[in-house]
Every structure is written in structure tokens, then in C-alpha cells.
Amino acid sequence: FVATALIPIVLWRMGAKQAKRDSEQAKRDSELQARILANLTSVSQ
């Protein structure tokens, strides 16, 4: 009974943390891509 009650909570918390990590990683990837693009644009200019 306890396991049945706790598993969804644990899974939700794990999912939330993973989503946060994914969001932060995506943000870092986006910033990195923007910097790379800016550098490429600057080099091109």
C-alpha cells in the first residue's frame, strides 16, 4: 500500500528534476548555439 502510494510521488519528483535539468541543458545549448552563430556572423562580417 505504501509503495503504491509513494511510487507516483517519487516518479513525479524524479521527472520534475529531469525536466528541470533538460530545460537548463536546452538553455545552455541554445546560448552556446547563439554564441557560435554570433561568432560565425562576426567572422563572416
ModelCIF file with pLDDT and N, C-alpha, C, O atoms, coordinates in Angstrom:
data_MODEL
#
_entry.id   MODEL 
#
_entity.id                         1 
_entity.type                       polymer 
_entity.pdbx_number_of_molecules   1 
#
_entity_poly.entity_id                      1 
_entity_poly.type                           'polypeptide(L)' 
_entity_poly.nstd_linkage                   no 
_entity_poly.nstd_monomer                   no 
_entity_poly.pdbx_seq_one_letter_code       FVATALIPIVLWRMGAKQAKRDSEQAKRDSELQARILANLTSVSQ 
_entity_poly.pdbx_seq_one_letter_code_can   FVATALIPIVLWRMGAKQAKRDSEQAKRDSELQARILANLTSVSQ 
_entity_poly.pdbx_strand_id                 A 
#
loop_
_entity_poly_seq.entity_id 
_entity_poly_seq.num 
_entity_poly_seq.mon_id 
_entity_poly_seq.hetero 
1 1  PHE n 
1 2  VAL n 
1 3  ALA n 
1 4  THR n 
1 5  ALA n 
1 6  LEU n 
1 7  ILE n 
1 8  PRO n 
1 9  ILE n 
1 10 VAL n 
1 11 LEU n 
1 12 TRP n 
1 13 ARG n 
1 14 MET n 
1 15 GLY n 
1 16 ALA n 
1 17 LYS n 
1 18 GLN n 
1 19 ALA n 
1 20 LYS n 
1 21 ARG n 
1 22 ASP n 
1 23 SER n 
1 24 GLU n 
1 25 GLN n 
1 26 ALA n 
1 27 LYS n 
1 28 ARG n 
1 29 ASP n 
1 30 SER n 
1 31 GLU n 
1 32 LEU n 
1 33 GLN n 
1 34 ALA n 
1 35 ARG n 
1 36 ILE n 
1 37 LEU n 
1 38 ALA n 
1 39 ASN n 
1 40 LEU n 
1 41 THR n 
1 42 SER n 
1 43 VAL n 
1 44 SER n 
1 45 GLN n 
#
_struct_asym.id          A 
_struct_asym.entity_id   1 
#
loop_
_ma_qa_metric.id 
_ma_qa_metric.mode 
_ma_qa_metric.name 
_ma_qa_metric.software_group_id 
_ma_qa_metric.type 
1 global pLDDT . pLDDT 
2 local  pLDDT . pLDDT 
#
_ma_qa_metric_global.metric_id      1 
_ma_qa_metric_global.metric_value   65.11 
_ma_qa_metric_global.model_id       1 
_ma_qa_metric_global.ordinal_id     1 
#
loop_
_ma_qa_metric_local.label_asym_id 
_ma_qa_metric_local.label_comp_id 
_ma_qa_metric_local.label_seq_id 
_ma_qa_metric_local.metric_id 
_ma_qa_metric_local.metric_value 
_ma_qa_metric_local.model_id 
_ma_qa_metric_local.ordinal_id 
A PHE 1  2 63.00 1 1  
A VAL 2  2 64.00 1 2  
A ALA 3  2 63.00 1 3  
A THR 4  2 75.00 1 4  
A ALA 5  2 67.00 1 5  
A LEU 6  2 66.00 1 6  
A ILE 7  2 74.00 1 7  
A PRO 8  2 73.00 1 8  
A ILE 9  2 73.00 1 9  
A VAL 10 2 67.00 1 10 
A LEU 11 2 70.00 1 11 
A TRP 12 2 73.00 1 12 
A ARG 13 2 72.00 1 13 
A MET 14 2 72.00 1 14 
A GLY 15 2 70.00 1 15 
A ALA 16 2 71.00 1 16 
A LYS 17 2 71.00 1 17 
A GLN 18 2 72.00 1 18 
A ALA 19 2 73.00 1 19 
A LYS 20 2 72.00 1 20 
A ARG 21 2 73.00 1 21 
A ASP 22 2 67.00 1 22 
A SER 23 2 74.00 1 23 
A GLU 24 2 72.00 1 24 
A GLN 25 2 69.00 1 25 
A ALA 26 2 69.00 1 26 
A LYS 27 2 70.00 1 27 
A ARG 28 2 68.00 1 28 
A ASP 29 2 60.00 1 29 
A SER 30 2 66.00 1 30 
A GLU 31 2 64.00 1 31 
A LEU 32 2 61.00 1 32 
A GLN 33 2 63.00 1 33 
A ALA 34 2 60.00 1 34 
A ARG 35 2 63.00 1 35 
A ILE 36 2 55.00 1 36 
A LEU 37 2 55.00 1 37 
A ALA 38 2 50.00 1 38 
A ASN 39 2 53.00 1 39 
A LEU 40 2 48.00 1 40 
A THR 41 2 48.00 1 41 
A SER 42 2 51.00 1 42 
A VAL 43 2 52.00 1 43 
A SER 44 2 58.00 1 44 
A GLN 45 2 60.00 1 45 
#
loop_
_atom_site.group_PDB 
_atom_site.id 
_atom_site.type_symbol 
_atom_site.label_atom_id 
_atom_site.label_alt_id 
_atom_site.label_comp_id 
_atom_site.label_asym_id 
_atom_site.label_entity_id 
_atom_site.label_seq_id 
_atom_site.pdbx_PDB_ins_code 
_atom_site.Cartn_x 
_atom_site.Cartn_y 
_atom_site.Cartn_z 
_atom_site.occupancy 
_atom_site.B_iso_or_equiv 
_atom_site.pdbx_formal_charge 
_atom_site.auth_seq_id 
_atom_site.auth_comp_id 
_atom_site.auth_asym_id 
_atom_site.auth_atom_id 
_atom_site.pdbx_PDB_model_num 
ATOM 1   N N  . PHE A 1 1  ? 0.826  -1.205 0.000   1.00 63.00 ? 1  PHE A N  1 
ATOM 2   C CA . PHE A 1 1  ? 0.000  0.000  0.000   1.00 63.00 ? 1  PHE A CA 1 
ATOM 3   C C  . PHE A 1 1  ? 0.865  1.262  0.000   1.00 63.00 ? 1  PHE A C  1 
ATOM 4   O O  . PHE A 1 1  ? 0.648  2.202  -0.764  1.00 63.00 ? 1  PHE A O  1 
ATOM 5   N N  . VAL A 1 2  ? 1.864  1.233  0.905   1.00 64.00 ? 2  VAL A N  1 
ATOM 6   C CA . VAL A 1 2  ? 2.757  2.401  0.996   1.00 64.00 ? 2  VAL A CA 1 
ATOM 7   C C  . VAL A 1 2  ? 3.514  2.602  -0.313  1.00 64.00 ? 2  VAL A C  1 
ATOM 8   O O  . VAL A 1 2  ? 3.638  3.721  -0.811  1.00 64.00 ? 2  VAL A O  1 
ATOM 9   N N  . ALA A 1 3  ? 4.022  1.484  -0.864  1.00 63.00 ? 3  ALA A N  1 
ATOM 10  C CA . ALA A 1 3  ? 4.771  1.586  -2.125  1.00 63.00 ? 3  ALA A CA 1 
ATOM 11  C C  . ALA A 1 3  ? 3.893  2.133  -3.234  1.00 63.00 ? 3  ALA A C  1 
ATOM 12  O O  . ALA A 1 3  ? 4.305  2.964  -4.044  1.00 63.00 ? 3  ALA A O  1 
ATOM 13  N N  . THR A 1 4  ? 2.660  1.633  -3.238  1.00 75.00 ? 4  THR A N  1 
ATOM 14  C CA . THR A 1 4  ? 1.733  2.089  -4.278  1.00 75.00 ? 4  THR A CA 1 
ATOM 15  C C  . THR A 1 4  ? 1.484  3.593  -4.164  1.00 75.00 ? 4  THR A C  1 
ATOM 16  O O  . THR A 1 4  ? 1.331  4.294  -5.165  1.00 75.00 ? 4  THR A O  1 
ATOM 17  N N  . ALA A 1 5  ? 1.448  4.065  -2.928  1.00 67.00 ? 5  ALA A N  1 
ATOM 18  C CA . ALA A 1 5  ? 1.203  5.497  -2.726  1.00 67.00 ? 5  ALA A CA 1 
ATOM 19  C C  . ALA A 1 5  ? 2.450  6.346  -3.026  1.00 67.00 ? 5  ALA A C  1 
ATOM 20  O O  . ALA A 1 5  ? 2.337  7.450  -3.560  1.00 67.00 ? 5  ALA A O  1 
ATOM 21  N N  . LEU A 1 6  ? 3.618  5.835  -2.685  1.00 66.00 ? 6  LEU A N  1 
ATOM 22  C CA . LEU A 1 6  ? 4.835  6.639  -2.819  1.00 66.00 ? 6  LEU A CA 1 
ATOM 23  C C  . LEU A 1 6  ? 5.422  6.645  -4.223  1.00 66.00 ? 6  LEU A C  1 
ATOM 24  O O  . LEU A 1 6  ? 5.994  7.651  -4.644  1.00 66.00 ? 6  LEU A O  1 
ATOM 25  N N  . ILE A 1 7  ? 5.296  5.561  -4.946  1.00 74.00 ? 7  ILE A N  1 
ATOM 26  C CA . ILE A 1 7  ? 5.938  5.461  -6.273  1.00 74.00 ? 7  ILE A CA 1 
ATOM 27  C C  . ILE A 1 7  ? 5.549  6.617  -7.200  1.00 74.00 ? 7  ILE A C  1 
ATOM 28  O O  . ILE A 1 7  ? 6.433  7.221  -7.807  1.00 74.00 ? 7  ILE A O  1 
ATOM 29  N N  . PRO A 1 8  ? 4.271  6.944  -7.331  1.00 73.00 ? 8  PRO A N  1 
ATOM 30  C CA . PRO A 1 8  ? 3.928  8.084  -8.220  1.00 73.00 ? 8  PRO A CA 1 
ATOM 31  C C  . PRO A 1 8  ? 4.560  9.399  -7.778  1.00 73.00 ? 8  PRO A C  1 
ATOM 32  O O  . PRO A 1 8  ? 4.971  10.230 -8.587  1.00 73.00 ? 8  PRO A O  1 
ATOM 33  N N  . ILE A 1 9  ? 4.621  9.553  -6.418  1.00 73.00 ? 9  ILE A N  1 
ATOM 34  C CA . ILE A 1 9  ? 5.231  10.801 -5.920  1.00 73.00 ? 9  ILE A CA 1 
ATOM 35  C C  . ILE A 1 9  ? 6.701  10.852 -6.269  1.00 73.00 ? 9  ILE A C  1 
ATOM 36  O O  . ILE A 1 9  ? 7.207  11.871 -6.740  1.00 73.00 ? 9  ILE A O  1 
ATOM 37  N N  . VAL A 1 10 ? 7.396  9.721  -6.029  1.00 67.00 ? 10 VAL A N  1 
ATOM 38  C CA . VAL A 1 10 ? 8.830  9.659  -6.337  1.00 67.00 ? 10 VAL A CA 1 
ATOM 39  C C  . VAL A 1 10 ? 9.078  9.859  -7.823  1.00 67.00 ? 10 VAL A C  1 
ATOM 40  O O  . VAL A 1 10 ? 9.971  10.602 -8.230  1.00 67.00 ? 10 VAL A O  1 
ATOM 41  N N  . LEU A 1 11 ? 8.265  9.177  -8.622  1.00 70.00 ? 11 LEU A N  1 
ATOM 42  C CA . LEU A 1 11 ? 8.423  9.310  -10.072 1.00 70.00 ? 11 LEU A CA 1 
ATOM 43  C C  . LEU A 1 11 ? 8.163  10.744 -10.538 1.00 70.00 ? 11 LEU A C  1 
ATOM 44  O O  . LEU A 1 11 ? 8.832  11.246 -11.441 1.00 70.00 ? 11 LEU A O  1 
ATOM 45  N N  . TRP A 1 12 ? 7.192  11.387 -9.914  1.00 73.00 ? 12 TRP A N  1 
ATOM 46  C CA . TRP A 1 12 ? 6.873  12.763 -10.299 1.00 73.00 ? 12 TRP A CA 1 
ATOM 47  C C  . TRP A 1 12 ? 8.048  13.701 -9.979  1.00 73.00 ? 12 TRP A C  1 
ATOM 48  O O  . TRP A 1 12 ? 8.440  14.554 -10.775 1.00 73.00 ? 12 TRP A O  1 
ATOM 49  N N  . ARG A 1 13 ? 8.601  13.486 -8.728  1.00 72.00 ? 13 ARG A N  1 
ATOM 50  C CA . ARG A 1 13 ? 9.724  14.314 -8.342  1.00 72.00 ? 13 ARG A CA 1 
ATOM 51  C C  . ARG A 1 13 ? 10.934 14.072 -9.245  1.00 72.00 ? 13 ARG A C  1 
ATOM 52  O O  . ARG A 1 13 ? 11.619 15.015 -9.645  1.00 72.00 ? 13 ARG A O  1 
ATOM 53  N N  . MET A 1 14 ? 11.187 12.816 -9.560  1.00 72.00 ? 14 MET A N  1 
ATOM 54  C CA . MET A 1 14 ? 12.293 12.499 -10.455 1.00 72.00 ? 14 MET A CA 1 
ATOM 55  C C  . MET A 1 14 ? 12.066 13.123 -11.836 1.00 72.00 ? 14 MET A C  1 
ATOM 56  O O  . MET A 1 14 ? 12.993 13.646 -12.455 1.00 72.00 ? 14 MET A O  1 
ATOM 57  N N  . GLY A 1 15 ? 10.835 13.059 -12.300 1.00 70.00 ? 15 GLY A N  1 
ATOM 58  C CA . GLY A 1 15 ? 10.510 13.638 -13.604 1.00 70.00 ? 15 GLY A CA 1 
ATOM 59  C C  . GLY A 1 15 ? 10.668 15.151 -13.607 1.00 70.00 ? 15 GLY A C  1 
ATOM 60  O O  . GLY A 1 15 ? 11.136 15.745 -14.578 1.00 70.00 ? 15 GLY A O  1 
ATOM 61  N N  . ALA A 1 16 ? 10.261 15.767 -12.480 1.00 71.00 ? 16 ALA A N  1 
ATOM 62  C CA . ALA A 1 16 ? 10.382 17.220 -12.388 1.00 71.00 ? 16 ALA A CA 1 
ATOM 63  C C  . ALA A 1 16 ? 11.852 17.638 -12.412 1.00 71.00 ? 16 ALA A C  1 
ATOM 64  O O  . ALA A 1 16 ? 12.232 18.596 -13.085 1.00 71.00 ? 16 ALA A O  1 
ATOM 65  N N  . LYS A 1 17 ? 12.679 16.885 -11.650 1.00 71.00 ? 17 LYS A N  1 
ATOM 66  C CA . LYS A 1 17 ? 14.109 17.201 -11.640 1.00 71.00 ? 17 LYS A CA 1 
ATOM 67  C C  . LYS A 1 17 ? 14.732 17.011 -13.020 1.00 71.00 ? 17 LYS A C  1 
ATOM 68  O O  . LYS A 1 17 ? 15.550 17.813 -13.470 1.00 71.00 ? 17 LYS A O  1 
ATOM 69  N N  . GLN A 1 18 ? 14.321 15.926 -13.679 1.00 72.00 ? 18 GLN A N  1 
ATOM 70  C CA . GLN A 1 18 ? 14.869 15.671 -15.017 1.00 72.00 ? 18 GLN A CA 1 
ATOM 71  C C  . GLN A 1 18 ? 14.443 16.752 -16.008 1.00 72.00 ? 18 GLN A C  1 
ATOM 72  O O  . GLN A 1 18 ? 15.219 17.195 -16.854 1.00 72.00 ? 18 GLN A O  1 
ATOM 73  N N  . ALA A 1 19 ? 13.183 17.157 -15.871 1.00 73.00 ? 19 ALA A N  1 
ATOM 74  C CA . ALA A 1 19 ? 12.680 18.218 -16.750 1.00 73.00 ? 19 ALA A CA 1 
ATOM 75  C C  . ALA A 1 19 ? 13.447 19.521 -16.519 1.00 73.00 ? 19 ALA A C  1 
ATOM 76  O O  . ALA A 1 19 ? 13.767 20.253 -17.456 1.00 73.00 ? 19 ALA A O  1 
ATOM 77  N N  . LYS A 1 20 ? 13.728 19.785 -15.248 1.00 72.00 ? 20 LYS A N  1 
ATOM 78  C CA . LYS A 1 20 ? 14.493 20.991 -14.931 1.00 72.00 ? 20 LYS A CA 1 
ATOM 79  C C  . LYS A 1 20 ? 15.893 20.911 -15.525 1.00 72.00 ? 20 LYS A C  1 
ATOM 80  O O  . LYS A 1 20 ? 16.409 21.873 -16.094 1.00 72.00 ? 20 LYS A O  1 
ATOM 81  N N  . ARG A 1 21 ? 16.506 19.700 -15.367 1.00 73.00 ? 21 ARG A N  1 
ATOM 82  C CA . ARG A 1 21 ? 17.842 19.530 -15.932 1.00 73.00 ? 21 ARG A CA 1 
ATOM 83  C C  . ARG A 1 21 ? 17.815 19.660 -17.458 1.00 73.00 ? 21 ARG A C  1 
ATOM 84  O O  . ARG A 1 21 ? 18.699 20.266 -18.063 1.00 73.00 ? 21 ARG A O  1 
ATOM 85  N N  . ASP A 1 22 ? 16.774 19.075 -18.063 1.00 67.00 ? 22 ASP A N  1 
ATOM 86  C CA . ASP A 1 22 ? 16.649 19.154 -19.522 1.00 67.00 ? 22 ASP A CA 1 
ATOM 87  C C  . ASP A 1 22 ? 16.463 20.598 -19.974 1.00 67.00 ? 22 ASP A C  1 
ATOM 88  O O  . ASP A 1 22 ? 17.022 21.020 -20.987 1.00 67.00 ? 22 ASP A O  1 
ATOM 89  N N  . SER A 1 23 ? 15.660 21.359 -19.200 1.00 74.00 ? 23 SER A N  1 
ATOM 90  C CA . SER A 1 23 ? 15.408 22.760 -19.540 1.00 74.00 ? 23 SER A CA 1 
ATOM 91  C C  . SER A 1 23 ? 16.687 23.578 -19.442 1.00 74.00 ? 23 SER A C  1 
ATOM 92  O O  . SER A 1 23 ? 16.985 24.403 -20.306 1.00 74.00 ? 23 SER A O  1 
ATOM 93  N N  . GLU A 1 24 ? 17.444 23.329 -18.358 1.00 72.00 ? 24 GLU A N  1 
ATOM 94  C CA . GLU A 1 24 ? 18.703 24.050 -18.184 1.00 72.00 ? 24 GLU A CA 1 
ATOM 95  C C  . GLU A 1 24 ? 19.703 23.683 -19.268 1.00 72.00 ? 24 GLU A C  1 
ATOM 96  O O  . GLU A 1 24 ? 20.433 24.535 -19.774 1.00 72.00 ? 24 GLU A O  1 
ATOM 97  N N  . GLN A 1 25 ? 19.726 22.404 -19.616 1.00 69.00 ? 25 GLN A N  1 
ATOM 98  C CA . GLN A 1 25 ? 20.636 21.959 -20.665 1.00 69.00 ? 25 GLN A CA 1 
ATOM 99  C C  . GLN A 1 25 ? 20.257 22.570 -22.014 1.00 69.00 ? 25 GLN A C  1 
ATOM 100 O O  . GLN A 1 25 ? 21.108 22.988 -22.799 1.00 69.00 ? 25 GLN A O  1 
ATOM 101 N N  . ALA A 1 26 ? 18.936 22.604 -22.250 1.00 69.00 ? 26 ALA A N  1 
ATOM 102 C CA . ALA A 1 26 ? 18.453 23.191 -23.501 1.00 69.00 ? 26 ALA A CA 1 
ATOM 103 C C  . ALA A 1 26 ? 18.811 24.683 -23.575 1.00 69.00 ? 26 ALA A C  1 
ATOM 104 O O  . ALA A 1 26 ? 19.170 25.199 -24.633 1.00 69.00 ? 26 ALA A O  1 
ATOM 105 N N  . LYS A 1 27 ? 18.703 25.358 -22.425 1.00 70.00 ? 27 LYS A N  1 
ATOM 106 C CA . LYS A 1 27 ? 19.053 26.768 -22.376 1.00 70.00 ? 27 LYS A CA 1 
ATOM 107 C C  . LYS A 1 27 ? 20.535 26.961 -22.663 1.00 70.00 ? 27 LYS A C  1 
ATOM 108 O O  . LYS A 1 27 ? 20.934 27.849 -23.417 1.00 70.00 ? 27 LYS A O  1 
ATOM 109 N N  . ARG A 1 28 ? 21.354 26.087 -22.028 1.00 68.00 ? 28 ARG A N  1 
ATOM 110 C CA . ARG A 1 28 ? 22.792 26.187 -22.268 1.00 68.00 ? 28 ARG A CA 1 
ATOM 111 C C  . ARG A 1 28 ? 23.119 25.888 -23.729 1.00 68.00 ? 28 ARG A C  1 
ATOM 112 O O  . ARG A 1 28 ? 23.954 26.554 -24.342 1.00 68.00 ? 28 ARG A O  1 
ATOM 113 N N  . ASP A 1 29 ? 22.444 24.872 -24.276 1.00 60.00 ? 29 ASP A N  1 
ATOM 114 C CA . ASP A 1 29 ? 22.673 24.545 -25.690 1.00 60.00 ? 29 ASP A CA 1 
ATOM 115 C C  . ASP A 1 29 ? 22.276 25.701 -26.596 1.00 60.00 ? 29 ASP A C  1 
ATOM 116 O O  . ASP A 1 29 ? 22.956 26.013 -27.573 1.00 60.00 ? 29 ASP A O  1 
ATOM 117 N N  . SER A 1 30 ? 21.148 26.332 -26.243 1.00 66.00 ? 30 SER A N  1 
ATOM 118 C CA . SER A 1 30 ? 20.664 27.458 -27.049 1.00 66.00 ? 30 SER A CA 1 
ATOM 119 C C  . SER A 1 30 ? 21.639 28.631 -26.985 1.00 66.00 ? 30 SER A C  1 
ATOM 120 O O  . SER A 1 30 ? 21.940 29.261 -27.999 1.00 66.00 ? 30 SER A O  1 
ATOM 121 N N  . GLU A 1 31 ? 22.132 28.916 -25.759 1.00 64.00 ? 31 GLU A N  1 
ATOM 122 C CA . GLU A 1 31 ? 23.100 30.004 -25.613 1.00 64.00 ? 31 GLU A CA 1 
ATOM 123 C C  . GLU A 1 31 ? 24.388 29.693 -26.353 1.00 64.00 ? 31 GLU A C  1 
ATOM 124 O O  . GLU A 1 31 ? 24.986 30.573 -26.971 1.00 64.00 ? 31 GLU A O  1 
ATOM 125 N N  . LEU A 1 32 ? 24.814 28.435 -26.289 1.00 61.00 ? 32 LEU A N  1 
ATOM 126 C CA . LEU A 1 32 ? 26.024 28.028 -26.985 1.00 61.00 ? 32 LEU A CA 1 
ATOM 127 C C  . LEU A 1 32 ? 25.852 28.190 -28.497 1.00 61.00 ? 32 LEU A C  1 
ATOM 128 O O  . LEU A 1 32 ? 26.733 28.692 -29.196 1.00 61.00 ? 32 LEU A O  1 
ATOM 129 N N  . GLN A 1 33 ? 24.674 27.742 -28.981 1.00 63.00 ? 33 GLN A N  1 
ATOM 130 C CA . GLN A 1 33 ? 24.404 27.874 -30.402 1.00 63.00 ? 33 GLN A CA 1 
ATOM 131 C C  . GLN A 1 33 ? 24.356 29.337 -30.824 1.00 63.00 ? 33 GLN A C  1 
ATOM 132 O O  . GLN A 1 33 ? 24.815 29.696 -31.908 1.00 63.00 ? 33 GLN A O  1 
ATOM 133 N N  . ALA A 1 34 ? 23.787 30.190 -29.944 1.00 60.00 ? 34 ALA A N  1 
ATOM 134 C CA . ALA A 1 34 ? 23.713 31.625 -30.253 1.00 60.00 ? 34 ALA A CA 1 
ATOM 135 C C  . ALA A 1 34 ? 25.109 32.230 -30.323 1.00 60.00 ? 34 ALA A C  1 
ATOM 136 O O  . ALA A 1 34 ? 25.410 33.041 -31.198 1.00 60.00 ? 34 ALA A O  1 
ATOM 137 N N  . ARG A 1 35 ? 25.977 31.806 -29.354 1.00 63.00 ? 35 ARG A N  1 
ATOM 138 C CA . ARG A 1 35 ? 27.342 32.318 -29.374 1.00 63.00 ? 35 ARG A CA 1 
ATOM 139 C C  . ARG A 1 35 ? 28.087 31.854 -30.620 1.00 63.00 ? 35 ARG A C  1 
ATOM 140 O O  . ARG A 1 35 ? 28.814 32.621 -31.251 1.00 63.00 ? 35 ARG A O  1 
ATOM 141 N N  . ILE A 1 36 ? 27.894 30.598 -30.955 1.00 55.00 ? 36 ILE A N  1 
ATOM 142 C CA . ILE A 1 36 ? 28.548 30.066 -32.155 1.00 55.00 ? 36 ILE A CA 1 
ATOM 143 C C  . ILE A 1 36 ? 28.074 30.804 -33.400 1.00 55.00 ? 36 ILE A C  1 
ATOM 144 O O  . ILE A 1 36 ? 28.868 31.163 -34.269 1.00 55.00 ? 36 ILE A O  1 
ATOM 145 N N  . LEU A 1 37 ? 26.745 31.024 -33.469 1.00 55.00 ? 37 LEU A N  1 
ATOM 146 C CA . LEU A 1 37 ? 26.178 31.734 -34.610 1.00 55.00 ? 37 LEU A CA 1 
ATOM 147 C C  . LEU A 1 37 ? 26.691 33.175 -34.662 1.00 55.00 ? 37 LEU A C  1 
ATOM 148 O O  . LEU A 1 37 ? 27.017 33.689 -35.732 1.00 55.00 ? 37 LEU A O  1 
ATOM 149 N N  . ALA A 1 38 ? 26.758 33.820 -33.493 1.00 50.00 ? 38 ALA A N  1 
ATOM 150 C CA . ALA A 1 38 ? 27.257 35.197 -33.442 1.00 50.00 ? 38 ALA A CA 1 
ATOM 151 C C  . ALA A 1 38 ? 28.720 35.254 -33.888 1.00 50.00 ? 38 ALA A C  1 
ATOM 152 O O  . ALA A 1 38 ? 29.127 36.157 -34.620 1.00 50.00 ? 38 ALA A O  1 
ATOM 153 N N  . ASN A 1 39 ? 29.504 34.267 -33.428 1.00 53.00 ? 39 ASN A N  1 
ATOM 154 C CA . ASN A 1 39 ? 30.905 34.216 -33.834 1.00 53.00 ? 39 ASN A CA 1 
ATOM 155 C C  . ASN A 1 39 ? 31.041 34.005 -35.337 1.00 53.00 ? 39 ASN A C  1 
ATOM 156 O O  . ASN A 1 39 ? 31.864 34.633 -36.004 1.00 53.00 ? 39 ASN A O  1 
ATOM 157 N N  . LEU A 1 40 ? 30.198 33.090 -35.852 1.00 48.00 ? 40 LEU A N  1 
ATOM 158 C CA . LEU A 1 40 ? 30.224 32.840 -37.291 1.00 48.00 ? 40 LEU A CA 1 
ATOM 159 C C  . LEU A 1 40 ? 29.815 34.082 -38.068 1.00 48.00 ? 40 LEU A C  1 
ATOM 160 O O  . LEU A 1 40 ? 30.397 34.416 -39.100 1.00 48.00 ? 40 LEU A O  1 
ATOM 161 N N  . THR A 1 41 ? 28.782 34.767 -37.536 1.00 48.00 ? 41 THR A N  1 
ATOM 162 C CA . THR A 1 41 ? 28.325 36.000 -38.190 1.00 48.00 ? 41 THR A CA 1 
ATOM 163 C C  . THR A 1 41 ? 29.417 37.063 -38.153 1.00 48.00 ? 41 THR A C  1 
ATOM 164 O O  . THR A 1 41 ? 29.665 37.760 -39.137 1.00 48.00 ? 41 THR A O  1 
ATOM 165 N N  . SER A 1 42 ? 30.067 37.170 -36.987 1.00 51.00 ? 42 SER A N  1 
ATOM 166 C CA . SER A 1 42 ? 31.140 38.161 -36.843 1.00 51.00 ? 42 SER A CA 1 
ATOM 167 C C  . SER A 1 42 ? 32.291 37.854 -37.792 1.00 51.00 ? 42 SER A C  1 
ATOM 168 O O  . SER A 1 42 ? 32.832 38.747 -38.444 1.00 51.00 ? 42 SER A O  1 
ATOM 169 N N  . VAL A 1 43 ? 32.658 36.569 -37.858 1.00 52.00 ? 43 VAL A N  1 
ATOM 170 C CA . VAL A 1 43 ? 33.736 36.158 -38.764 1.00 52.00 ? 43 VAL A CA 1 
ATOM 171 C C  . VAL A 1 43 ? 33.344 36.457 -40.209 1.00 52.00 ? 43 VAL A C  1 
ATOM 172 O O  . VAL A 1 43 ? 34.150 36.938 -41.006 1.00 52.00 ? 43 VAL A O  1 
ATOM 173 N N  . SER A 1 44 ? 32.079 36.158 -40.523 1.00 58.00 ? 44 SER A N  1 
ATOM 174 C CA . SER A 1 44 ? 31.593 36.409 -41.880 1.00 58.00 ? 44 SER A CA 1 
ATOM 175 C C  . SER A 1 44 ? 31.613 37.892 -42.201 1.00 58.00 ? 44 SER A C  1 
ATOM 176 O O  . SER A 1 44 ? 31.989 38.288 -43.305 1.00 58.00 ? 44 SER A O  1 
ATOM 177 N N  . GLN A 1 45 ? 31.200 38.731 -41.220 1.00 60.00 ? 45 GLN A N  1 
ATOM 178 C CA . GLN A 1 45 ? 31.206 40.173 -41.442 1.00 60.00 ? 45 GLN A CA 1 
ATOM 179 C C  . GLN A 1 45 ? 32.630 40.705 -41.609 1.00 60.00 ? 45 GLN A C  1 
ATOM 180 O O  . GLN A 1 45 ? 32.821 41.905 -41.805 1.00 60.00 ? 45 GLN A O  1 
#
